[in-house]
Amino acid sequence: MIESGWLVDRRDKLTRAKRWQQEDEDTDYKRNDLDKKVVNPSQIRNIFREYKKALKTTIFPKRVDENGDYEVPKTLVFAKTDSHADDIIKIIREEFDEGNDFCKKVTYKIEEDPKSVLNRFRNSYYPRIAVTVDMIATGTDVKPLEVLLFMRDVKSINYFEQMKGRGTRTINSDSLQLVTKTAKSKTHFVIVDAVGATKSKKTDSRPLERKPSVPMKDLLGAVTMGVADEDLFLSLANRLIRLEKQITEKEKDKLMEFSGGKNLKQITKELITAFDHDAIDSKAQIEIDKIPIEDQTPVLIENAKKQAQEQLILDASKTFNEELNNYVENVRKQHEQIMDSINIDTIIKSEWDTTSIDKATEIIKDFTEYLEANKDEIKALSIFYDQPYNRRNITFKMIQEVMEKLQLKKPLLAPDYVWDAYVTLSAVEGSHKPKDQLTILVSLIRRACGIDKELKPYDSTIEANFNKWIFKQHTGQHNRFTQEQLDWLRMIKDHVVSSYHIEIDDLDYTPFDAKGGKGRMHQLFGDQMNEIINELNEVLAA
């Protein structure tokens, strides 16, 4: 209890800025208010003082190195909130008299990359203690982990079991001793229960999948349209959890462009949180705390919880939009297969294919029609078809966008496949096919939009354009470029072959940086440097 007249610290929850204040009324707080409404540093400090003593006397008493120093086992602390985690970390560092590397926070809100911190916790000596809220309750193996310390209660049986499961991972002795030198082997793990989590009443969690017969497309559409149904939200969360494990890093990055920067884990968490009673209570409590205790009626508290849930539902559902839904559905189709053991296959025909020319013609026709239909929607195609003067500005990322859309919408029109169709029709100039799929794609686009009358390798086109340009520069002039200048020009040409465009800033990266970068090129070409780069972009893309 905080009595009227006491001078206490008041801290802003977000900025953590403190101010002294003399209390003008009594504040009676209960166990559940700790670390939310009220922070009692002595409570946290006592827990870790006792933990430090118990480590040396009863938990792992023989963990002393050759210098007589005690080695703290890898420990994972479960905190209530991000703010609670910050308080815990500060006190751990003070009580163990260690620096920042000794104890780290692993949550989505940290400044450091959480994956990097987690990887160090798993594979390096430091940190010895990690503090998390809920990020690594599931799906993460930290095999050297030997102690789980609960600073928060958990109401769900399944979630509690998953949290305990972090300690059950096995590890061989050699690997363990790489990060914990005084440990002989991992024979068990220890739960330190500072809040009664092992004794509190738990409830069964129903499975996430509530609507197994409803297609993913319909689930996405319903959430987007504002349908606030628990079974709907949890079923969609379940599907997205599965999808997150299947898609590639590139697909994850692309998805975030449509979701406002949220990844699938964050989207899934919001869907589940919208119907999580703990989360609803915590959010409601923030508003309830703003109201004097004498005015906190049951009706008011219930209304606060209702409003809190409505806001959580809104936060979860507003992420979804037509572009995101379409992308998720298309990516899902790429990564899922139906195993049909009911319809038994039979052979209809076994003979030589005499229609390969017809098929090749159809493939080229489909490819050309796809480009024509999307030339106003895809920036690179728009430039190739309607803005030939801008071809020098086409970048690697633009070509990659064409490839990604082609893979999603028309996977059977893969550049390699379309190129082979041209070969079947003997409509390719030259004998070699570019190794890089994006280079093949550029070659095909140039042929489809009429820049090239015959299909020819774009890397060969750049090489030929470069040689013509060099020859022209030397016509009527005696050795305009020195050997070192020619070497730089060839490096620029090679860069354009792989990236389709060069910027001044590219000179600060491989391979130019090894030759002196932007500064060295300026020394070689002087004020003509920018002019030459612009000219090469234009000439090579011709």
Protein backbone atom coordinates (compact mmCIF):
# COMPACT_ATOMS: atom_id res chain seq x y z
CA MET A 1 0.00 0.00 0.00
CA ILE A 2 1.19 3.54 -0.86
CA GLU A 3 -0.04 5.97 1.78
CA SER A 4 -1.14 9.55 1.26
CA GLY A 5 1.71 11.99 1.87
CA TRP A 6 4.52 9.63 0.77
CA LEU A 7 7.00 10.94 -1.76
CA VAL A 8 7.31 8.40 -4.56
CA ASP A 9 8.60 8.12 -8.12
CA ARG A 10 6.05 8.34 -10.91
CA ARG A 11 7.25 6.87 -14.20
CA ASP A 12 5.82 7.25 -17.69
CA LYS A 13 5.18 3.74 -19.07
CA LEU A 14 6.35 4.58 -22.58
CA THR A 15 9.20 7.08 -22.12
CA ARG A 16 10.19 5.75 -18.64
CA ALA A 17 10.80 9.37 -17.56
CA LYS A 18 10.57 9.75 -13.76
CA ARG A 19 9.31 12.54 -11.52
CA TRP A 20 8.94 12.89 -7.74
CA GLN A 21 5.39 13.31 -6.47
CA GLN A 22 3.78 13.53 -3.07
CA GLU A 23 0.74 11.25 -3.07
CA ASP A 24 -2.51 12.95 -2.15
CA GLU A 25 -4.43 9.70 -1.55
CA ASP A 26 -3.80 6.12 -0.48
CA THR A 27 -3.08 3.59 -3.26
CA ASP A 28 -3.85 0.01 -2.37
CA TYR A 29 -2.45 -2.42 -4.89
CA LYS A 30 -2.74 -6.17 -5.14
CA ARG A 31 -0.48 -8.91 -6.47
CA ASN A 32 -1.86 -8.66 -10.01
CA ASP A 33 -1.09 -4.92 -10.11
CA LEU A 34 2.66 -5.50 -9.73
CA ASP A 35 4.73 -4.49 -12.76
CA LYS A 36 1.63 -3.06 -14.42
CA LYS A 37 0.03 -0.43 -12.21
CA VAL A 38 2.84 -0.45 -9.64
CA VAL A 39 6.52 -1.37 -9.94
CA ASN A 40 8.27 -2.52 -6.77
CA PRO A 41 12.01 -2.80 -7.61
CA SER A 42 12.76 -4.49 -4.28
CA GLN A 43 10.52 -7.41 -5.22
CA ILE A 44 12.49 -7.98 -8.44
CA ARG A 45 15.80 -7.43 -6.65
CA ASN A 46 14.99 -9.94 -3.89
CA ILE A 47 14.12 -12.60 -6.44
CA PHE A 48 17.44 -12.29 -8.23
CA ARG A 49 19.47 -12.04 -5.04
CA GLU A 50 17.88 -15.29 -3.94
CA TYR A 51 18.40 -16.82 -7.39
CA LYS A 52 22.08 -15.87 -7.34
CA LYS A 53 22.49 -17.47 -3.90
CA ALA A 54 20.51 -20.60 -4.84
CA LEU A 55 22.62 -21.12 -7.98
CA LYS A 56 25.79 -21.39 -5.92
CA THR A 57 24.33 -23.44 -3.08
CA THR A 58 21.64 -25.75 -4.42
CA ILE A 59 20.87 -25.44 -8.16
CA PHE A 60 24.31 -25.85 -9.82
CA PRO A 61 26.78 -25.49 -6.92
CA LYS A 62 29.86 -26.85 -8.75
CA ARG A 63 29.93 -24.38 -11.64
CA VAL A 64 33.20 -22.68 -10.64
CA ASP A 65 36.00 -22.08 -13.15
CA GLU A 66 39.78 -22.32 -12.64
CA ASN A 67 39.86 -18.70 -11.41
CA GLY A 68 37.28 -19.40 -8.71
CA ASP A 69 34.53 -17.44 -10.48
CA TYR A 70 31.00 -18.81 -10.62
CA GLU A 71 29.60 -19.44 -14.12
CA VAL A 72 25.89 -18.65 -14.39
CA PRO A 73 24.05 -21.30 -16.46
CA LYS A 74 22.13 -20.21 -19.53
CA THR A 75 18.90 -18.80 -18.07
CA LEU A 76 15.67 -17.69 -19.74
CA VAL A 77 13.44 -15.29 -17.79
CA PHE A 78 9.76 -14.88 -18.72
CA ALA A 79 8.57 -11.31 -18.03
CA LYS A 80 5.06 -9.83 -18.02
CA THR A 81 5.56 -6.86 -20.32
CA ASP A 82 8.29 -5.14 -22.27
CA SER A 83 8.61 -2.54 -19.50
CA HIS A 84 8.82 -5.30 -16.90
CA ALA A 85 11.61 -6.92 -18.92
CA ASP A 86 13.59 -3.65 -18.89
CA ASP A 87 13.30 -3.45 -15.09
CA ILE A 88 14.42 -7.07 -14.73
CA ILE A 89 17.45 -6.61 -16.98
CA LYS A 90 18.62 -3.50 -15.12
CA ILE A 91 18.44 -5.27 -11.75
CA ILE A 92 20.07 -8.49 -13.02
CA ARG A 93 23.08 -6.54 -14.29
CA GLU A 94 23.38 -4.74 -10.95
CA GLU A 95 22.97 -7.84 -8.76
CA PHE A 96 25.39 -9.97 -10.79
CA ASP A 97 27.74 -7.00 -11.25
CA GLU A 98 27.96 -7.62 -14.99
CA GLY A 99 27.84 -5.54 -18.17
CA ASN A 100 25.28 -5.28 -20.94
CA ASP A 101 26.41 -8.45 -22.73
CA PHE A 102 25.65 -10.60 -19.67
CA CYS A 103 21.88 -10.10 -19.87
CA LYS A 104 19.88 -9.24 -22.98
CA LYS A 105 16.24 -8.71 -23.89
CA VAL A 106 14.73 -10.86 -26.64
CA THR A 107 11.42 -9.31 -27.74
CA TYR A 108 10.04 -7.75 -30.92
CA LYS A 109 10.53 -4.26 -29.49
CA ILE A 110 14.29 -4.28 -28.93
CA GLU A 111 16.65 -2.02 -30.86
CA GLU A 112 18.97 -4.92 -31.69
CA ASP A 113 17.89 -7.54 -34.19
CA PRO A 114 16.07 -10.16 -32.03
CA LYS A 115 17.28 -12.99 -34.29
CA SER A 116 20.88 -11.89 -33.76
CA VAL A 117 20.49 -11.74 -29.97
CA LEU A 118 18.75 -15.10 -29.93
CA ASN A 119 21.48 -16.64 -32.07
CA ARG A 120 24.17 -15.39 -29.65
CA PHE A 121 22.17 -16.72 -26.70
CA ARG A 122 22.08 -20.11 -28.41
CA ASN A 123 25.64 -20.36 -29.73
CA SER A 124 27.90 -17.90 -27.87
CA TYR A 125 29.10 -17.50 -24.31
CA TYR A 126 27.20 -14.22 -23.84
CA PRO A 127 24.46 -13.48 -22.98
CA ARG A 128 24.19 -15.78 -19.95
CA ILE A 129 20.64 -14.60 -19.18
CA ALA A 130 17.94 -13.66 -21.69
CA VAL A 131 14.66 -11.96 -20.76
CA THR A 132 11.59 -12.32 -22.99
CA VAL A 133 7.89 -11.58 -22.88
CA ASP A 134 6.50 -14.09 -25.35
CA MET A 135 8.72 -14.16 -28.42
CA ILE A 136 10.41 -17.48 -27.80
CA ALA A 137 7.73 -19.40 -25.98
CA THR A 138 7.37 -21.66 -28.99
CA GLY A 139 9.30 -22.75 -32.03
CA THR A 140 12.79 -21.85 -30.87
CA ASP A 141 15.50 -24.24 -29.74
CA VAL A 142 18.08 -22.96 -27.27
CA LYS A 143 19.71 -26.27 -26.47
CA PRO A 144 22.23 -25.05 -23.81
CA LEU A 145 19.36 -23.59 -21.74
CA GLU A 146 19.41 -25.01 -18.19
CA VAL A 147 17.17 -22.69 -16.14
CA LEU A 148 13.70 -21.26 -16.80
CA LEU A 149 12.77 -18.44 -14.41
CA PHE A 150 9.09 -17.46 -14.33
CA MET A 151 8.39 -13.81 -13.45
CA ARG A 152 4.88 -14.02 -14.91
CA ASP A 153 1.92 -16.33 -14.46
CA VAL A 154 0.34 -18.24 -17.36
CA LYS A 155 -3.30 -19.31 -17.53
CA SER A 156 -3.15 -21.57 -20.56
CA ILE A 157 -2.03 -25.19 -20.05
CA ASN A 158 -0.76 -25.48 -23.60
CA TYR A 159 1.17 -22.21 -23.47
CA PHE A 160 2.71 -23.13 -20.12
CA GLU A 161 3.80 -26.51 -21.48
CA GLN A 162 5.32 -24.82 -24.51
CA MET A 163 7.26 -22.43 -22.28
CA LYS A 164 8.55 -25.33 -20.20
CA GLY A 165 9.46 -27.08 -23.43
CA ARG A 166 12.25 -24.53 -23.99
CA GLY A 167 14.24 -26.35 -21.31
CA THR A 168 13.75 -29.90 -22.61
CA ARG A 169 16.06 -29.58 -25.62
CA THR A 170 18.99 -31.98 -25.43
CA ILE A 171 22.60 -31.18 -26.35
CA ASN A 172 25.80 -33.21 -26.41
CA SER A 173 28.52 -32.47 -23.87
CA ASP A 174 31.02 -30.96 -26.32
CA SER A 175 28.49 -28.50 -27.71
CA LEU A 176 27.31 -27.54 -24.22
CA GLN A 177 30.85 -26.86 -23.02
CA LEU A 178 31.44 -24.48 -25.92
CA VAL A 179 29.03 -22.04 -24.26
CA THR A 180 29.09 -23.21 -20.63
CA LYS A 181 32.65 -24.30 -19.87
CA THR A 182 32.06 -25.69 -16.36
CA ALA A 183 29.10 -27.89 -17.35
CA LYS A 184 29.94 -31.57 -17.81
CA SER A 185 26.65 -32.51 -19.48
CA LYS A 186 23.00 -31.49 -19.60
CA THR A 187 21.15 -34.06 -17.51
CA HIS A 188 18.18 -31.88 -16.51
CA PHE A 189 16.84 -28.33 -16.48
CA VAL A 190 15.54 -26.31 -13.52
CA ILE A 191 12.34 -24.24 -13.22
CA VAL A 192 12.59 -21.30 -10.84
CA ASP A 193 9.01 -20.26 -10.06
CA ALA A 194 9.02 -16.76 -8.53
CA VAL A 195 5.29 -16.06 -9.00
CA GLY A 196 3.49 -19.37 -8.45
CA ALA A 197 3.14 -20.18 -12.16
CA THR A 198 3.49 -23.92 -11.54
CA LYS A 199 0.65 -23.90 -8.96
CA SER A 200 -1.84 -21.47 -10.45
CA LYS A 201 -5.04 -22.71 -12.05
CA LYS A 202 -4.70 -23.45 -15.76
CA THR A 203 -7.33 -23.81 -18.47
CA ASP A 204 -7.32 -26.02 -21.52
CA SER A 205 -6.72 -24.27 -24.82
CA ARG A 206 -8.93 -25.24 -27.70
CA PRO A 207 -7.18 -25.94 -30.99
CA LEU A 208 -6.64 -22.92 -33.24
CA GLU A 209 -8.25 -24.52 -36.29
CA ARG A 210 -11.99 -24.00 -35.80
CA LYS A 211 -13.17 -23.85 -39.42
CA PRO A 212 -11.27 -26.58 -41.30
CA SER A 213 -13.77 -26.66 -44.17
CA VAL A 214 -13.62 -22.92 -44.93
CA PRO A 215 -11.12 -21.96 -47.69
CA MET A 216 -8.28 -19.59 -46.82
CA LYS A 217 -9.60 -17.07 -49.36
CA ASP A 218 -12.94 -16.88 -47.52
CA LEU A 219 -11.27 -16.51 -44.12
CA LEU A 220 -9.18 -13.61 -45.42
CA GLY A 221 -12.20 -11.97 -47.01
CA ALA A 222 -14.33 -12.27 -43.88
CA VAL A 223 -11.70 -10.67 -41.63
CA THR A 224 -11.19 -7.87 -44.17
CA MET A 225 -14.94 -7.20 -44.22
CA GLY A 226 -15.00 -6.77 -40.44
CA VAL A 227 -16.42 -10.11 -39.29
CA ALA A 228 -15.30 -10.35 -35.64
CA ASP A 229 -15.66 -14.04 -34.83
CA GLU A 230 -13.26 -15.94 -32.55
CA ASP A 231 -13.34 -19.16 -34.58
CA LEU A 232 -12.68 -17.16 -37.75
CA PHE A 233 -9.71 -15.25 -36.29
CA LEU A 234 -8.10 -18.34 -34.75
CA SER A 235 -8.57 -20.48 -37.86
CA LEU A 236 -6.92 -17.80 -40.01
CA ALA A 237 -4.10 -17.50 -37.45
CA ASN A 238 -3.56 -21.25 -37.65
CA ARG A 239 -3.32 -21.17 -41.47
CA LEU A 240 -0.89 -18.23 -41.38
CA ILE A 241 1.31 -19.99 -38.80
CA ARG A 242 1.66 -22.93 -41.20
CA LEU A 243 2.31 -20.63 -44.14
CA GLU A 244 5.04 -18.72 -42.29
CA LYS A 245 7.03 -21.95 -41.98
CA GLN A 246 6.75 -22.64 -45.71
CA ILE A 247 7.44 -19.39 -47.54
CA THR A 248 10.87 -18.08 -48.53
CA GLU A 249 12.65 -15.00 -47.12
CA LYS A 250 12.00 -13.14 -50.37
CA GLU A 251 8.29 -13.96 -50.14
CA LYS A 252 8.24 -12.78 -46.52
CA ASP A 253 9.78 -9.44 -47.53
CA LYS A 254 7.30 -9.03 -50.37
CA LEU A 255 4.37 -9.80 -48.05
CA MET A 256 5.45 -7.00 -45.72
CA GLU A 257 5.03 -4.50 -48.57
CA PHE A 258 1.28 -5.26 -48.56
CA SER A 259 0.83 -5.56 -44.78
CA GLY A 260 2.16 -2.19 -43.67
CA GLY A 261 5.48 -3.65 -42.54
CA LYS A 262 4.07 -6.47 -40.42
CA ASN A 263 5.44 -9.99 -40.82
CA LEU A 264 3.29 -13.11 -40.53
CA LYS A 265 4.30 -13.71 -36.91
CA GLN A 266 3.10 -10.23 -35.92
CA ILE A 267 -0.12 -10.58 -37.94
CA THR A 268 -0.81 -13.98 -36.35
CA LYS A 269 -0.11 -12.67 -32.87
CA GLU A 270 -2.63 -9.83 -33.36
CA LEU A 271 -5.30 -12.29 -34.53
CA ILE A 272 -4.81 -14.51 -31.47
CA THR A 273 -4.45 -11.59 -29.04
CA ALA A 274 -7.83 -10.18 -30.12
CA PHE A 275 -9.51 -13.06 -28.21
CA ASP A 276 -6.86 -13.63 -25.51
CA HIS A 277 -8.40 -12.79 -22.13
CA ASP A 278 -5.01 -11.97 -20.60
CA ALA A 279 -4.27 -9.46 -23.36
CA ILE A 280 -7.76 -7.96 -23.17
CA ASP A 281 -7.50 -7.58 -19.38
CA SER A 282 -4.06 -5.97 -19.63
CA LYS A 283 -5.20 -3.46 -22.24
CA ALA A 284 -8.36 -2.66 -20.32
CA GLN A 285 -6.40 -2.20 -17.10
CA ILE A 286 -4.46 0.68 -18.65
CA GLU A 287 -7.72 2.61 -19.06
CA ILE A 288 -9.14 1.46 -15.73
CA ASP A 289 -6.02 2.77 -13.93
CA LYS A 290 -6.86 6.28 -15.16
CA ILE A 291 -10.11 6.24 -13.17
CA PRO A 292 -10.24 6.80 -9.37
CA ILE A 293 -10.66 3.54 -7.47
CA GLU A 294 -13.95 4.63 -5.92
CA ASP A 295 -15.44 5.07 -9.42
CA GLN A 296 -14.32 1.66 -10.73
CA THR A 297 -17.69 -0.09 -10.82
CA PRO A 298 -18.19 -3.62 -12.26
CA VAL A 299 -20.11 -2.14 -15.19
CA LEU A 300 -17.31 0.32 -15.95
CA ILE A 301 -14.67 -2.43 -15.79
CA GLU A 302 -16.72 -4.66 -18.08
CA ASN A 303 -17.15 -1.81 -20.58
CA ALA A 304 -13.41 -1.17 -20.50
CA LYS A 305 -12.75 -4.80 -21.35
CA LYS A 306 -15.29 -4.68 -24.17
CA GLN A 307 -13.69 -1.55 -25.65
CA ALA A 308 -10.22 -3.06 -25.27
CA GLN A 309 -11.25 -6.15 -27.21
CA GLU A 310 -12.92 -4.07 -29.92
CA GLN A 311 -9.67 -2.16 -30.38
CA LEU A 312 -7.61 -5.37 -30.50
CA ILE A 313 -10.00 -6.79 -33.12
CA LEU A 314 -9.72 -3.59 -35.16
CA ASP A 315 -5.90 -3.62 -34.92
CA ALA A 316 -5.82 -7.20 -36.17
CA SER A 317 -8.34 -6.85 -38.98
CA LYS A 318 -7.16 -3.53 -40.46
CA THR A 319 -3.92 -5.19 -41.59
CA PHE A 320 -5.79 -7.16 -44.23
CA ASN A 321 -6.55 -5.68 -47.65
CA GLU A 322 -7.17 -6.91 -51.17
CA GLU A 323 -3.50 -6.83 -52.21
CA LEU A 324 -2.34 -8.69 -49.08
CA ASN A 325 -5.14 -11.25 -49.36
CA ASN A 326 -4.37 -11.98 -53.01
CA TYR A 327 -0.66 -12.31 -52.32
CA VAL A 328 -1.19 -14.66 -49.36
CA GLU A 329 -3.59 -16.81 -51.38
CA ASN A 330 -1.23 -17.02 -54.38
CA VAL A 331 1.81 -17.82 -52.24
CA ARG A 332 -0.15 -20.46 -50.34
CA LYS A 333 -1.06 -22.20 -53.58
CA GLN A 334 2.61 -22.34 -54.52
CA HIS A 335 3.56 -24.07 -51.27
CA GLU A 336 0.66 -26.49 -50.78
CA GLN A 337 -0.12 -29.72 -52.57
CA ILE A 338 -3.18 -31.97 -52.51
CA MET A 339 -2.35 -35.67 -52.23
CA ASP A 340 -4.98 -37.47 -54.32
CA SER A 341 -5.06 -41.20 -53.55
CA ILE A 342 -8.70 -41.56 -54.59
CA ASN A 343 -8.62 -40.87 -58.34
CA ILE A 344 -6.30 -43.53 -59.71
CA ASP A 345 -4.39 -42.40 -62.78
CA THR A 346 -4.39 -44.29 -66.09
CA ILE A 347 -2.28 -43.90 -69.22
CA ILE A 348 -4.21 -42.28 -72.06
CA LYS A 349 -1.50 -42.00 -74.70
CA SER A 350 2.12 -43.09 -75.18
CA GLU A 351 3.70 -41.80 -78.39
CA TRP A 352 6.14 -39.30 -79.89
CA ASP A 353 5.09 -35.65 -79.60
CA THR A 354 4.42 -34.33 -83.10
CA THR A 355 2.96 -31.01 -81.96
CA SER A 356 6.04 -29.37 -80.39
CA ILE A 357 6.01 -26.49 -82.90
CA ASP A 358 2.36 -25.75 -82.13
CA LYS A 359 3.11 -25.81 -78.40
CA ALA A 360 6.11 -23.52 -78.78
CA THR A 361 4.03 -21.06 -80.79
CA GLU A 362 1.32 -21.11 -78.11
CA ILE A 363 3.84 -20.51 -75.31
CA ILE A 364 5.34 -17.49 -77.07
CA LYS A 365 1.86 -16.15 -77.81
CA ASP A 366 0.80 -16.51 -74.15
CA PHE A 367 4.00 -14.86 -72.93
CA THR A 368 3.66 -11.93 -75.33
CA GLU A 369 0.00 -11.44 -74.42
CA TYR A 370 0.81 -11.48 -70.70
CA LEU A 371 3.43 -8.74 -71.13
CA GLU A 372 1.10 -6.67 -73.29
CA ALA A 373 -1.77 -7.00 -70.77
CA ASN A 374 0.42 -5.93 -67.83
CA LYS A 375 2.52 -3.21 -69.44
CA ASP A 376 0.59 -0.48 -67.63
CA GLU A 377 0.76 -2.22 -64.24
CA ILE A 378 4.44 -3.22 -64.07
CA LYS A 379 6.92 -0.35 -64.20
CA ALA A 380 9.67 -2.10 -66.17
CA LEU A 381 7.21 -3.23 -68.84
CA SER A 382 5.77 0.26 -69.10
CA ILE A 383 9.25 1.62 -69.83
CA PHE A 384 10.11 -1.10 -72.35
CA TYR A 385 6.85 -0.64 -74.27
CA ASP A 386 6.03 3.06 -73.99
CA GLN A 387 9.11 4.92 -72.71
CA PRO A 388 12.13 3.73 -74.75
CA TYR A 389 14.05 6.87 -73.75
CA ASN A 390 13.92 5.66 -70.13
CA ARG A 391 15.39 2.19 -70.73
CA ARG A 392 18.69 3.39 -69.27
CA ASN A 393 16.88 3.79 -65.90
CA ILE A 394 15.65 0.19 -65.62
CA THR A 395 17.06 -1.39 -62.44
CA PHE A 396 17.65 -4.88 -61.14
CA LYS A 397 14.71 -4.48 -58.73
CA MET A 398 12.34 -3.60 -61.58
CA ILE A 399 13.28 -6.74 -63.55
CA GLN A 400 12.96 -8.79 -60.38
CA GLU A 401 9.40 -7.46 -59.94
CA VAL A 402 8.47 -8.70 -63.43
CA MET A 403 9.93 -12.13 -62.59
CA GLU A 404 8.06 -12.38 -59.27
CA LYS A 405 4.71 -11.46 -60.82
CA LEU A 406 5.32 -13.92 -63.65
CA GLN A 407 6.11 -16.69 -61.14
CA LEU A 408 2.90 -15.96 -59.21
CA LYS A 409 0.50 -15.43 -62.11
CA LYS A 410 2.01 -17.51 -64.93
CA PRO A 411 4.43 -20.10 -63.50
CA LEU A 412 4.31 -22.10 -66.75
CA LEU A 413 5.79 -19.13 -68.62
CA ALA A 414 9.16 -19.34 -66.88
CA PRO A 415 11.82 -17.45 -68.93
CA ASP A 416 13.87 -20.60 -69.49
CA TYR A 417 10.79 -22.38 -70.85
CA VAL A 418 9.83 -19.50 -73.18
CA TRP A 419 13.42 -19.27 -74.46
CA ASP A 420 13.32 -22.98 -75.37
CA ALA A 421 10.09 -22.34 -77.27
CA TYR A 422 11.91 -19.77 -79.42
CA VAL A 423 14.72 -22.30 -79.96
CA THR A 424 12.13 -24.85 -81.15
CA LEU A 425 11.00 -22.33 -83.76
CA SER A 426 14.65 -21.58 -84.72
CA ALA A 427 14.00 -17.95 -83.81
CA VAL A 428 17.09 -17.26 -81.67
CA GLU A 429 20.08 -15.25 -82.82
CA GLY A 430 23.33 -16.85 -81.63
CA SER A 431 23.89 -20.19 -79.99
CA HIS A 432 24.18 -19.53 -76.25
CA LYS A 433 21.45 -19.01 -73.68
CA PRO A 434 22.20 -16.69 -70.71
CA LYS A 435 22.72 -18.57 -67.43
CA ASP A 436 20.86 -15.97 -65.37
CA GLN A 437 17.05 -16.16 -65.50
CA LEU A 438 16.65 -12.38 -65.20
CA THR A 439 18.97 -11.84 -68.17
CA ILE A 440 16.88 -14.33 -70.16
CA LEU A 441 13.76 -12.41 -69.10
CA VAL A 442 15.17 -9.08 -70.33
CA SER A 443 16.10 -10.72 -73.64
CA LEU A 444 12.53 -12.03 -74.01
CA ILE A 445 10.94 -8.69 -73.11
CA ARG A 446 13.09 -6.85 -75.67
CA ARG A 447 11.99 -9.35 -78.33
CA ALA A 448 8.31 -9.23 -77.32
CA CYS A 449 8.07 -5.42 -77.39
CA GLY A 450 9.96 -5.13 -80.68
CA ILE A 451 13.28 -3.64 -79.56
CA ASP A 452 15.06 -6.69 -81.00
CA LYS A 453 13.80 -8.22 -84.24
CA GLU A 454 15.24 -11.61 -83.25
CA LEU A 455 15.62 -13.10 -79.78
CA LYS A 456 19.22 -12.66 -78.71
CA PRO A 457 21.04 -12.93 -75.38
CA TYR A 458 20.93 -9.57 -73.61
CA ASP A 459 24.44 -10.06 -72.17
CA SER A 460 25.72 -10.40 -75.76
CA THR A 461 23.79 -7.27 -76.71
CA ILE A 462 25.47 -5.30 -73.94
CA GLU A 463 28.89 -6.67 -74.95
CA ALA A 464 28.32 -5.69 -78.60
CA ASN A 465 27.02 -2.23 -77.68
CA PHE A 466 30.01 -1.66 -75.43
CA ASN A 467 32.50 -2.66 -78.12
CA LYS A 468 30.80 -0.36 -80.67
CA TRP A 469 30.91 2.50 -78.18
CA ILE A 470 34.60 1.99 -77.41
CA PHE A 471 35.42 1.80 -81.13
CA LYS A 472 33.51 5.03 -81.72
CA GLN A 473 35.36 6.79 -78.90
CA HIS A 474 38.70 5.94 -80.51
CA THR A 475 37.68 6.80 -84.07
CA GLY A 476 39.55 9.93 -85.09
CA GLN A 477 41.19 10.09 -81.68
CA HIS A 478 44.45 8.54 -80.63
CA ASN A 479 43.96 6.33 -77.56
CA ARG A 480 41.33 8.48 -75.83
CA PHE A 481 41.28 6.12 -72.80
CA THR A 482 44.26 4.79 -70.90
CA GLN A 483 44.50 1.11 -70.00
CA GLU A 484 43.34 1.77 -66.43
CA GLN A 485 40.38 3.78 -67.72
CA LEU A 486 39.45 0.94 -70.08
CA ASP A 487 39.60 -1.50 -67.15
CA TRP A 488 37.12 0.69 -65.24
CA LEU A 489 34.81 0.94 -68.23
CA ARG A 490 34.80 -2.85 -68.57
CA MET A 491 33.94 -3.20 -64.88
CA ILE A 492 31.00 -0.84 -65.42
CA LYS A 493 29.91 -2.90 -68.44
CA ASP A 494 30.08 -6.14 -66.40
CA HIS A 495 28.03 -4.52 -63.64
CA VAL A 496 25.33 -3.52 -66.14
CA VAL A 497 25.27 -7.09 -67.50
CA SER A 498 24.22 -8.38 -64.06
CA SER A 499 22.31 -5.36 -62.71
CA TYR A 500 20.98 -3.68 -65.92
CA HIS A 501 21.88 -0.20 -64.65
CA ILE A 502 24.62 1.58 -62.71
CA GLU A 503 24.41 4.47 -60.24
CA ILE A 504 27.25 6.65 -58.95
CA ASP A 505 26.75 5.12 -55.48
CA ASP A 506 27.38 1.61 -56.89
CA LEU A 507 31.05 2.62 -57.20
CA ASP A 508 31.36 2.29 -53.42
CA TYR A 509 30.68 -1.46 -53.58
CA THR A 510 32.20 -4.62 -55.07
CA PRO A 511 34.15 -4.74 -57.35
CA PHE A 512 34.76 -1.00 -57.58
CA ASP A 513 35.63 -0.48 -53.91
CA ALA A 514 38.69 -2.73 -54.25
CA LYS A 515 39.96 -0.39 -57.00
CA GLY A 516 39.47 2.83 -55.06
CA GLY A 517 35.74 3.34 -55.53
CA LYS A 518 34.10 6.60 -56.49
CA GLY A 519 37.16 8.67 -55.62
CA ARG A 520 39.49 6.74 -57.91
CA MET A 521 37.10 6.92 -60.86
CA HIS A 522 36.87 10.68 -60.41
CA GLN A 523 40.66 10.88 -60.45
CA LEU A 524 40.72 8.92 -63.71
CA PHE A 525 37.85 10.66 -65.54
CA GLY A 526 37.54 14.00 -63.76
CA ASP A 527 34.41 16.02 -64.53
CA GLN A 528 33.48 13.55 -67.26
CA MET A 529 32.74 10.78 -64.73
CA ASN A 530 28.97 11.44 -64.43
CA GLU A 531 28.65 12.03 -68.18
CA ILE A 532 30.36 8.71 -68.99
CA ILE A 533 28.18 6.75 -66.53
CA ASN A 534 24.99 8.28 -67.97
CA GLU A 535 26.18 7.63 -71.50
CA LEU A 536 27.01 3.98 -70.77
CA ASN A 537 23.61 3.42 -69.16
CA GLU A 538 21.98 4.73 -72.32
CA VAL A 539 24.27 3.09 -74.88
CA LEU A 540 24.40 -0.36 -73.28
CA ALA A 541 20.61 -0.54 -72.91
CA ALA A 542 20.02 0.43 -76.54
